[in-house]
Amino acid sequence: MDKLLVEVFFPAAGKRYEVQIPQDLRLYEIGRILAKLFEGEEPGSYREGDAALCDRGGAIYNASCTPRALGWQNGEQLLFY
């Protein structure tokens, strides 16, 4: 499975992380994984189903798309709300 290295900013924790994500996993699945991973950073802030991946301007990506379908590349900068 091909993976991308992306930068994800978590506003609730005020932190940025570099994470590898699969190119062919749907964003809602990636969001669930990230929510579980970072629940420890800010308990209650990233509940499953409430989180969304956004571009740097805050526009929410379609959760049914994959990073490959969106044309994401290594170094992509994302927000996780």
Protein backbone atom coordinates (compact mmCIF):
# COMPACT_ATOMS: atom_id res chain seq x y z
CA MET A 1 0.00 0.00 0.00
CA ASP A 2 1.41 3.37 -1.03
CA LYS A 3 1.66 5.95 1.72
CA LEU A 4 2.12 9.71 1.90
CA LEU A 5 3.92 11.75 4.53
CA VAL A 6 1.65 14.67 5.44
CA GLU A 7 1.68 17.39 8.08
CA VAL A 8 -1.45 17.51 10.22
CA PHE A 9 -2.26 20.46 12.49
CA PHE A 10 -4.46 19.68 15.50
CA PRO A 11 -5.95 23.01 16.67
CA ALA A 12 -7.35 21.56 19.91
CA ALA A 13 -3.83 20.56 20.99
CA GLY A 14 -2.05 23.41 19.20
CA LYS A 15 0.41 20.93 17.70
CA ARG A 16 1.59 19.76 14.29
CA TYR A 17 2.56 16.21 13.47
CA GLU A 18 3.99 14.46 10.45
CA VAL A 19 2.11 11.25 9.81
CA GLN A 20 2.09 8.62 7.09
CA ILE A 21 -1.31 7.92 5.60
CA PRO A 22 -2.36 5.35 3.00
CA GLN A 23 -3.16 6.83 -0.40
CA ASP A 24 -6.10 4.51 -1.02
CA LEU A 25 -7.92 4.69 2.32
CA ARG A 26 -11.01 6.90 2.43
CA LEU A 27 -10.71 10.10 4.44
CA TYR A 28 -13.41 9.08 6.90
CA GLU A 29 -11.31 6.00 7.73
CA ILE A 30 -8.15 8.08 8.08
CA GLY A 31 -10.08 10.51 10.30
CA ARG A 32 -11.19 7.68 12.59
CA ILE A 33 -7.63 6.44 12.94
CA LEU A 34 -6.28 9.94 13.66
CA ALA A 35 -9.07 10.60 16.18
CA LYS A 36 -8.13 7.45 18.08
CA LEU A 37 -4.42 8.24 17.97
CA PHE A 38 -4.79 11.78 19.22
CA GLU A 39 -7.60 11.31 21.72
CA GLY A 40 -4.85 11.27 24.35
CA GLU A 41 -3.68 14.76 23.37
CA GLU A 42 -6.99 16.45 24.16
CA PRO A 43 -9.46 13.99 25.71
CA GLY A 44 -12.95 14.45 24.28
CA SER A 45 -11.84 16.71 21.43
CA TYR A 46 -11.64 14.10 18.70
CA ARG A 47 -14.61 11.81 19.01
CA GLU A 48 -15.20 9.30 16.27
CA GLY A 49 -17.51 10.72 13.63
CA ASP A 50 -16.99 14.34 14.70
CA ALA A 51 -13.56 14.89 13.19
CA ALA A 52 -12.86 16.17 9.68
CA LEU A 53 -9.78 16.66 7.53
CA CYS A 54 -9.56 20.14 6.02
CA ASP A 55 -7.23 22.10 3.77
CA ARG A 56 -5.14 24.93 5.24
CA GLY A 57 -7.98 27.38 4.63
CA GLY A 58 -10.45 25.27 6.62
CA ALA A 59 -12.42 23.82 3.69
CA ILE A 60 -13.55 20.31 4.59
CA TYR A 61 -12.52 17.52 2.24
CA ASN A 62 -15.12 15.00 1.07
CA ALA A 63 -14.78 12.13 3.54
CA SER A 64 -15.61 9.56 0.85
CA CYS A 65 -12.55 10.49 -1.24
CA THR A 66 -9.07 9.04 -0.98
CA PRO A 67 -5.85 11.06 -0.87
CA ARG A 68 -4.94 9.63 -4.29
CA ALA A 69 -8.26 10.81 -5.80
CA LEU A 70 -7.67 14.29 -4.35
CA GLY A 71 -4.17 14.43 -5.84
CA TRP A 72 -2.42 14.75 -2.49
CA GLN A 73 1.37 14.54 -2.48
CA ASN A 74 4.05 14.18 0.17
CA GLY A 75 4.22 17.30 2.32
CA GLU A 76 0.49 18.06 2.08
CA GLN A 77 -0.59 20.32 4.94
CA LEU A 78 -3.90 19.48 6.60
CA LEU A 79 -6.07 20.60 9.51
CA PHE A 80 -7.82 18.05 11.71
CA TYR A 81 -10.97 19.36 13.39
